[in-house]
Amino acid sequence: MAAVTVRNLSDLTHEALKRRAARHGRSTEAEIRQILEDAIRPAEGMGTALARIGQRLGGSGLKLPRRTTKVSPAEFE
């Protein structure tokens, strides 16, 4: 795992981080990790984002019939 050092952090910011960590019941270091993870992780996955966009645009209107036949596995011979 990588390690990061943050220099010249103001006392005010450091104290605010400690208070925030205490509110969430974790160490200051764990709180900083969570803040960084939240900042770079997408809020939703690609499939969810595409479905949301499709719904907002009215969807495709495509009605697919329910499959009534058994699906056979692929043959590779």
PDB file of N, CA and C in Angstrom:
ATOM      1  N   MET A   1       0.836  -1.187   0.000  1.00  0.00           N
ATOM      2  CA  MET A   1       0.000   0.000   0.000  1.00  0.00           C
ATOM      3  C   MET A   1       0.876   1.244   0.000  1.00  0.00           C
ATOM      4  N   ALA A   2       0.385   2.237  -0.657  1.00  0.00           N
ATOM      5  CA  ALA A   2       1.109   3.501  -0.728  1.00  0.00           C
ATOM      6  C   ALA A   2       0.847   4.328   0.526  1.00  0.00           C
ATOM      7  N   ALA A   3       1.789   5.184   0.833  1.00  0.00           N
ATOM      8  CA  ALA A   3       1.643   6.114   1.959  1.00  0.00           C
ATOM      9  C   ALA A   3       1.812   7.528   1.427  1.00  0.00           C
ATOM     10  N   VAL A   4       1.046   8.449   1.976  1.00  0.00           N
ATOM     11  CA  VAL A   4       1.086   9.844   1.559  1.00  0.00           C
ATOM     12  C   VAL A   4       1.307  10.702   2.798  1.00  0.00           C
ATOM     13  N   THR A   5       2.179  11.677   2.675  1.00  0.00           N
ATOM     14  CA  THR A   5       2.408  12.628   3.756  1.00  0.00           C
ATOM     15  C   THR A   5       1.866  13.982   3.309  1.00  0.00           C
ATOM     16  N   VAL A   6       1.084  14.607   4.158  1.00  0.00           N
ATOM     17  CA  VAL A   6       0.551  15.931   3.853  1.00  0.00           C
ATOM     18  C   VAL A   6       1.269  16.931   4.745  1.00  0.00           C
ATOM     19  N   ARG A   7       1.995  17.816   4.130  1.00  0.00           N
ATOM     20  CA  ARG A   7       2.749  18.823   4.883  1.00  0.00           C
ATOM     21  C   ARG A   7       1.985  20.144   4.908  1.00  0.00           C
ATOM     22  N   ASN A   8       2.325  20.963   5.888  1.00  0.00           N
ATOM     23  CA  ASN A   8       1.787  22.328   6.008  1.00  0.00           C
ATOM     24  C   ASN A   8       0.262  22.356   6.130  1.00  0.00           C
ATOM     25  N   LEU A   9      -0.298  21.372   6.807  1.00  0.00           N
ATOM     26  CA  LEU A   9      -1.724  21.357   7.092  1.00  0.00           C
ATOM     27  C   LEU A   9      -1.965  22.305   8.267  1.00  0.00           C
ATOM     28  N   SER A  10      -2.901  23.199   8.123  1.00  0.00           N
ATOM     29  CA  SER A  10      -3.125  24.175   9.192  1.00  0.00           C
ATOM     30  C   SER A  10      -3.663  23.475  10.441  1.00  0.00           C
ATOM     31  N   ASP A  11      -3.406  24.073  11.587  1.00  0.00           N
ATOM     32  CA  ASP A  11      -3.921  23.525  12.842  1.00  0.00           C
ATOM     33  C   ASP A  11      -5.436  23.481  12.832  1.00  0.00           C
ATOM     34  N   LEU A  12      -6.060  24.484  12.234  1.00  0.00           N
ATOM     35  CA  LEU A  12      -7.516  24.540  12.149  1.00  0.00           C
ATOM     36  C   LEU A  12      -8.065  23.348  11.358  1.00  0.00           C
ATOM     37  N   THR A  13      -7.436  23.054  10.221  1.00  0.00           N
ATOM     38  CA  THR A  13      -7.860  21.927   9.396  1.00  0.00           C
ATOM     39  C   THR A  13      -7.637  20.609  10.126  1.00  0.00           C
ATOM     40  N   HIS A  14      -6.499  20.479  10.778  1.00  0.00           N
ATOM     41  CA  HIS A  14      -6.196  19.259  11.511  1.00  0.00           C
ATOM     42  C   HIS A  14      -7.212  19.024  12.626  1.00  0.00           C
ATOM     43  N   GLU A  15      -7.549  20.062  13.348  1.00  0.00           N
ATOM     44  CA  GLU A  15      -8.542  19.936  14.419  1.00  0.00           C
ATOM     45  C   GLU A  15      -9.917  19.570  13.858  1.00  0.00           C
ATOM     46  N   ALA A  16     -10.268  20.171  12.724  1.00  0.00           N
ATOM     47  CA  ALA A  16     -11.552  19.865  12.096  1.00  0.00           C
ATOM     48  C   ALA A  16     -11.597  18.404  11.649  1.00  0.00           C
ATOM     49  N   LEU A  17     -10.485  17.897  11.128  1.00  0.00           N
ATOM     50  CA  LEU A  17     -10.412  16.491  10.730  1.00  0.00           C
ATOM     51  C   LEU A  17     -10.561  15.572  11.938  1.00  0.00           C
ATOM     52  N   LYS A  18      -9.928  15.928  13.042  1.00  0.00           N
ATOM     53  CA  LYS A  18     -10.041  15.113  14.255  1.00  0.00           C
ATOM     54  C   LYS A  18     -11.480  15.088  14.772  1.00  0.00           C
ATOM     55  N   ARG A  19     -12.145  16.233  14.753  1.00  0.00           N
ATOM     56  CA  ARG A  19     -13.542  16.285  15.202  1.00  0.00           C
ATOM     57  C   ARG A  19     -14.445  15.462  14.284  1.00  0.00           C
ATOM     58  N   ARG A  20     -14.223  15.601  12.991  1.00  0.00           N
ATOM     59  CA  ARG A  20     -15.020  14.838  12.017  1.00  0.00           C
ATOM     60  C   ARG A  20     -14.816  13.336  12.213  1.00  0.00           C
ATOM     61  N   ALA A  21     -13.570  12.932  12.420  1.00  0.00           N
ATOM     62  CA  ALA A  21     -13.267  11.517  12.648  1.00  0.00           C
ATOM     63  C   ALA A  21     -13.976  11.011  13.898  1.00  0.00           C
ATOM     64  N   ALA A  22     -13.963  11.811  14.946  1.00  0.00           N
ATOM     65  CA  ALA A  22     -14.618  11.419  16.195  1.00  0.00           C
ATOM     66  C   ALA A  22     -16.124  11.254  15.988  1.00  0.00           C
ATOM     67  N   ARG A  23     -16.726  12.141  15.200  1.00  0.00           N
ATOM     68  CA  ARG A  23     -18.167  12.030  14.908  1.00  0.00           C
ATOM     69  C   ARG A  23     -18.496  10.730  14.185  1.00  0.00           C
ATOM     70  N   HIS A  24     -17.562  10.287  13.345  1.00  0.00           N
ATOM     71  CA  HIS A  24     -17.786   9.066  12.577  1.00  0.00           C
ATOM     72  C   HIS A  24     -17.217   7.825  13.269  1.00  0.00           C
ATOM     73  N   GLY A  25     -16.643   8.006  14.443  1.00  0.00           N
ATOM     74  CA  GLY A  25     -16.143   6.874  15.210  1.00  0.00           C
ATOM     75  C   GLY A  25     -14.928   6.194  14.617  1.00  0.00           C
ATOM     76  N   ARG A  26     -14.043   6.968  14.015  1.00  0.00           N
ATOM     77  CA  ARG A  26     -12.820   6.390  13.455  1.00  0.00           C
ATOM     78  C   ARG A  26     -11.635   7.291  13.722  1.00  0.00           C
ATOM     79  N   SER A  27     -10.467   6.782  13.448  1.00  0.00           N
ATOM     80  CA  SER A  27      -9.247   7.562  13.657  1.00  0.00           C
ATOM     81  C   SER A  27      -9.155   8.683  12.624  1.00  0.00           C
ATOM     82  N   THR A  28      -8.325   9.650  12.899  1.00  0.00           N
ATOM     83  CA  THR A  28      -8.127  10.749  11.945  1.00  0.00           C
ATOM     84  C   THR A  28      -7.589  10.202  10.630  1.00  0.00           C
ATOM     85  N   GLU A  29      -6.668   9.267  10.714  1.00  0.00           N
ATOM     86  CA  GLU A  29      -6.090   8.670   9.506  1.00  0.00           C
ATOM     87  C   GLU A  29      -7.169   7.948   8.687  1.00  0.00           C
ATOM     88  N   ALA A  30      -8.024   7.184   9.353  1.00  0.00           N
ATOM     89  CA  ALA A  30      -9.109   6.491   8.653  1.00  0.00           C
ATOM     90  C   ALA A  30     -10.084   7.487   8.035  1.00  0.00           C
ATOM     91  N   GLU A  31     -10.328   8.579   8.736  1.00  0.00           N
ATOM     92  CA  GLU A  31     -11.230   9.607   8.204  1.00  0.00           C
ATOM     93  C   GLU A  31     -10.651  10.227   6.936  1.00  0.00           C
ATOM     94  N   ILE A  32      -9.376  10.524   6.947  1.00  0.00           N
ATOM     95  CA  ILE A  32      -8.718  11.104   5.764  1.00  0.00           C
ATOM     96  C   ILE A  32      -8.785  10.126   4.598  1.00  0.00           C
ATOM     97  N   ARG A  33      -8.551   8.828   4.874  1.00  0.00           N
ATOM     98  CA  ARG A  33      -8.654   7.819   3.815  1.00  0.00           C
ATOM     99  C   ARG A  33     -10.062   7.813   3.227  1.00  0.00           C
ATOM    100  N   GLN A  34     -11.076   7.889   4.100  1.00  0.00           N
ATOM    101  CA  GLN A  34     -12.460   7.867   3.624  1.00  0.00           C
ATOM    102  C   GLN A  34     -12.772   9.100   2.781  1.00  0.00           C
ATOM    103  N   ILE A  35     -12.304  10.250   3.204  1.00  0.00           N
ATOM    104  CA  ILE A  35     -12.512  11.487   2.443  1.00  0.00           C
ATOM    105  C   ILE A  35     -11.900  11.354   1.050  1.00  0.00           C
ATOM    106  N   LEU A  36     -10.690  10.833   0.976  1.00  0.00           N
ATOM    107  CA  LEU A  36     -10.016  10.665  -0.316  1.00  0.00           C
ATOM    108  C   LEU A  36     -10.739   9.647  -1.185  1.00  0.00           C
ATOM    109  N   GLU A  37     -11.158   8.525  -0.594  1.00  0.00           N
ATOM    110  CA  GLU A  37     -11.904   7.513  -1.350  1.00  0.00           C
ATOM    111  C   GLU A  37     -13.200   8.101  -1.907  1.00  0.00           C
ATOM    112  N   ASP A  38     -13.936   8.819  -1.083  1.00  0.00           N
ATOM    113  CA  ASP A  38     -15.196   9.425  -1.521  1.00  0.00           C
ATOM    114  C   ASP A  38     -14.975  10.435  -2.641  1.00  0.00           C
ATOM    115  N   ALA A  39     -13.842  11.119  -2.609  1.00  0.00           N
ATOM    116  CA  ALA A  39     -13.557  12.155  -3.602  1.00  0.00           C
ATOM    117  C   ALA A  39     -13.257  11.570  -4.976  1.00  0.00           C
ATOM    118  N   ILE A  40     -12.716  10.350  -5.031  1.00  0.00           N
ATOM    119  CA  ILE A  40     -12.323   9.808  -6.334  1.00  0.00           C
ATOM    120  C   ILE A  40     -13.226   8.696  -6.834  1.00  0.00           C
ATOM    121  N   ARG A  41     -14.003   8.075  -5.962  1.00  0.00           N
ATOM    122  CA  ARG A  41     -14.878   6.968  -6.358  1.00  0.00           C
ATOM    123  C   ARG A  41     -16.124   7.535  -7.026  1.00  0.00           C
ATOM    124  N   PRO A  42     -16.520   6.952  -8.173  1.00  0.00           N
ATOM    125  CA  PRO A  42     -17.748   7.439  -8.800  1.00  0.00           C
ATOM    126  C   PRO A  42     -18.945   7.183  -7.890  1.00  0.00           C
ATOM    127  N   ALA A  43     -19.903   8.090  -7.918  1.00  0.00           N
ATOM    128  CA  ALA A  43     -21.091   7.966  -7.064  1.00  0.00           C
ATOM    129  C   ALA A  43     -21.958   6.788  -7.483  1.00  0.00           C
ATOM    130  N   GLU A  44     -21.893   6.403  -8.766  1.00  0.00           N
ATOM    131  CA  GLU A  44     -22.676   5.274  -9.246  1.00  0.00           C
ATOM    132  C   GLU A  44     -21.896   4.553 -10.326  1.00  0.00           C
ATOM    133  N   GLY A  45     -22.251   3.312 -10.561  1.00  0.00           N
ATOM    134  CA  GLY A  45     -21.586   2.516 -11.583  1.00  0.00           C
ATOM    135  C   GLY A  45     -22.023   2.914 -12.981  1.00  0.00           C
ATOM    136  N   MET A  46     -21.307   2.420 -13.967  1.00  0.00           N
ATOM    137  CA  MET A  46     -21.588   2.756 -15.365  1.00  0.00           C
ATOM    138  C   MET A  46     -22.977   2.291 -15.787  1.00  0.00           C
ATOM    139  N   GLY A  47     -23.347   1.070 -15.415  1.00  0.00           N
ATOM    140  CA  GLY A  47     -24.664   0.556 -15.794  1.00  0.00           C
ATOM    141  C   GLY A  47     -25.791   1.381 -15.201  1.00  0.00           C
ATOM    142  N   THR A  48     -25.649   1.748 -13.939  1.00  0.00           N
ATOM    143  CA  THR A  48     -26.655   2.565 -13.272  1.00  0.00           C
ATOM    144  C   THR A  48     -26.762   3.931 -13.941  1.00  0.00           C
ATOM    145  N   ALA A  49     -25.620   4.512 -14.273  1.00  0.00           N
ATOM    146  CA  ALA A  49     -25.621   5.825 -14.935  1.00  0.00           C
ATOM    147  C   ALA A  49     -26.296   5.747 -16.299  1.00  0.00           C
ATOM    148  N   LEU A  50     -26.000   4.702 -17.074  1.00  0.00           N
ATOM    149  CA  LEU A  50     -26.621   4.561 -18.396  1.00  0.00           C
ATOM    150  C   LEU A  50     -28.126   4.334 -18.282  1.00  0.00           C
ATOM    151  N   ALA A  51     -28.543   3.519 -17.308  1.00  0.00           N
ATOM    152  CA  ALA A  51     -29.981   3.280 -17.111  1.00  0.00           C
ATOM    153  C   ALA A  51     -30.687   4.570 -16.729  1.00  0.00           C
ATOM    154  N   ARG A  52     -30.069   5.372 -15.854  1.00  0.00           N
ATOM    155  CA  ARG A  52     -30.662   6.643 -15.436  1.00  0.00           C
ATOM    156  C   ARG A  52     -30.799   7.591 -16.628  1.00  0.00           C
ATOM    157  N   ILE A  53     -29.775   7.650 -17.467  1.00  0.00           N
ATOM    158  CA  ILE A  53     -29.827   8.506 -18.659  1.00  0.00           C
ATOM    159  C   ILE A  53     -30.934   8.034 -19.591  1.00  0.00           C
ATOM    160  N   GLY A  54     -31.016   6.718 -19.796  1.00  0.00           N
ATOM    161  CA  GLY A  54     -32.062   6.164 -20.662  1.00  0.00           C
ATOM    162  C   GLY A  54     -33.450   6.472 -20.138  1.00  0.00           C
ATOM    163  N   GLN A  55     -33.647   6.348 -18.833  1.00  0.00           N
ATOM    164  CA  GLN A  55     -34.952   6.657 -18.242  1.00  0.00           C
ATOM    165  C   GLN A  55     -35.288   8.129 -18.401  1.00  0.00           C
ATOM    166  N   ARG A  56     -34.289   8.987 -18.204  1.00  0.00           N
ATOM    167  CA  ARG A  56     -34.520  10.425 -18.329  1.00  0.00           C
ATOM    168  C   ARG A  56     -34.904  10.791 -19.766  1.00  0.00           C
ATOM    169  N   LEU A  57     -34.370  10.048 -20.733  1.00  0.00           N
ATOM    170  CA  LEU A  57     -34.672  10.327 -22.136  1.00  0.00           C
ATOM    171  C   LEU A  57     -35.925   9.605 -22.616  1.00  0.00           C
ATOM    172  N   GLY A  58     -36.604   8.915 -21.721  1.00  0.00           N
ATOM    173  CA  GLY A  58     -37.856   8.272 -22.093  1.00  0.00           C
ATOM    174  C   GLY A  58     -37.732   6.788 -22.371  1.00  0.00           C
ATOM    175  N   GLY A  59     -36.556   6.216 -22.222  1.00  0.00           N
ATOM    176  CA  GLY A  59     -36.385   4.787 -22.459  1.00  0.00           C
ATOM    177  C   GLY A  59     -36.477   4.451 -23.928  1.00  0.00           C
ATOM    178  N   SER A  60     -36.337   3.175 -24.235  1.00  0.00           N
ATOM    179  CA  SER A  60     -36.358   2.753 -25.629  1.00  0.00           C
ATOM    180  C   SER A  60     -37.752   2.337 -26.086  1.00  0.00           C
ATOM    181  N   GLY A  61     -38.642   2.023 -25.142  1.00  0.00           N
ATOM    182  CA  GLY A  61     -39.970   1.572 -25.518  1.00  0.00           C
ATOM    183  C   GLY A  61     -39.959   0.145 -26.039  1.00  0.00           C
ATOM    184  N   LEU A  62     -38.834  -0.525 -25.987  1.00  0.00           N
ATOM    185  CA  LEU A  62     -38.688  -1.882 -26.501  1.00  0.00           C
ATOM    186  C   LEU A  62     -39.319  -2.866 -25.525  1.00  0.00           C
ATOM    187  N   LYS A  63     -40.286  -3.639 -26.010  1.00  0.00           N
ATOM    188  CA  LYS A  63     -40.939  -4.659 -25.197  1.00  0.00           C
ATOM    189  C   LYS A  63     -40.391  -6.018 -25.618  1.00  0.00           C
ATOM    190  N   LEU A  64     -39.684  -6.676 -24.727  1.00  0.00           N
ATOM    191  CA  LEU A  64     -39.126  -7.985 -25.040  1.00  0.00           C
ATOM    192  C   LEU A  64     -40.021  -9.075 -24.474  1.00  0.00           C
ATOM    193  N   PRO A  65     -40.377 -10.050 -25.316  1.00  0.00           N
ATOM    194  CA  PRO A  65     -41.212 -11.137 -24.818  1.00  0.00           C
ATOM    195  C   PRO A  65     -40.410 -12.033 -23.863  1.00  0.00           C
ATOM    196  N   ARG A  66     -41.085 -12.625 -22.915  1.00  0.00           N
ATOM    197  CA  ARG A  66     -40.432 -13.525 -21.969  1.00  0.00           C
ATOM    198  C   ARG A  66     -40.040 -14.800 -22.711  1.00  0.00           C
ATOM    199  N   ARG A  67     -38.840 -15.308 -22.463  1.00  0.00           N
ATOM    200  CA  ARG A  67     -38.352 -16.514 -23.126  1.00  0.00           C
ATOM    201  C   ARG A  67     -39.168 -17.720 -22.652  1.00  0.00           C
ATOM    202  N   THR A  68     -39.609 -18.526 -23.604  1.00  0.00           N
ATOM    203  CA  THR A  68     -40.397 -19.710 -23.247  1.00  0.00           C
ATOM    204  C   THR A  68     -39.632 -20.995 -23.534  1.00  0.00           C
ATOM    205  N   THR A  69     -38.517 -20.902 -24.259  1.00  0.00           N
ATOM    206  CA  THR A  69     -37.731 -22.101 -24.566  1.00  0.00           C
ATOM    207  C   THR A  69     -36.494 -22.158 -23.686  1.00  0.00           C
ATOM    208  N   LYS A  70     -36.007 -23.382 -23.492  1.00  0.00           N
ATOM    209  CA  LYS A  70     -34.828 -23.587 -22.671  1.00  0.00           C
ATOM    210  C   LYS A  70     -33.582 -23.116 -23.437  1.00  0.00           C
ATOM    211  N   VAL A  71     -32.667 -22.479 -22.752  1.00  0.00           N
ATOM    212  CA  VAL A  71     -31.426 -22.011 -23.352  1.00  0.00           C
ATOM    213  C   VAL A  71     -30.424 -23.145 -23.329  1.00  0.00           C
ATOM    214  N   SER A  72     -29.806 -23.402 -24.479  1.00  0.00           N
ATOM    215  CA  SER A  72     -28.792 -24.453 -24.576  1.00  0.00           C
ATOM    216  C   SER A  72     -27.415 -23.834 -24.452  1.00  0.00           C
ATOM    217  N   PRO A  73     -26.502 -24.546 -23.784  1.00  0.00           N
ATOM    218  CA  PRO A  73     -25.142 -24.018 -23.673  1.00  0.00           C
ATOM    219  C   PRO A  73     -24.457 -24.016 -25.030  1.00  0.00           C
ATOM    220  N   ALA A  74     -23.505 -23.135 -25.200  1.00  0.00           N
ATOM    221  CA  ALA A  74     -22.750 -23.041 -26.443  1.00  0.00           C
ATOM    222  C   ALA A  74     -21.899 -24.291 -26.632  1.00  0.00           C
ATOM    223  N   GLU A  75     -21.714 -24.712 -27.876  1.00  0.00           N
ATOM    224  CA  GLU A  75     -20.853 -25.844 -28.189  1.00  0.00           C
ATOM    225  C   GLU A  75     -19.638 -25.314 -28.934  1.00  0.00           C
ATOM    226  N   PHE A  76     -18.469 -25.798 -28.540  1.00  0.00           N
ATOM    227  CA  PHE A  76     -17.228 -25.308 -29.139  1.00  0.00           C
ATOM    228  C   PHE A  76     -16.477 -26.409 -29.867  1.00  0.00           C
ATOM    229  N   GLU A  77     -17.196 -27.309 -30.503  1.00  0.00           N
ATOM    230  CA  GLU A  77     -16.543 -28.406 -31.244  1.00  0.00           C
ATOM    231  C   GLU A  77     -16.673 -28.214 -32.717  1.00  0.00           C
TER     232      GLU A  77
END
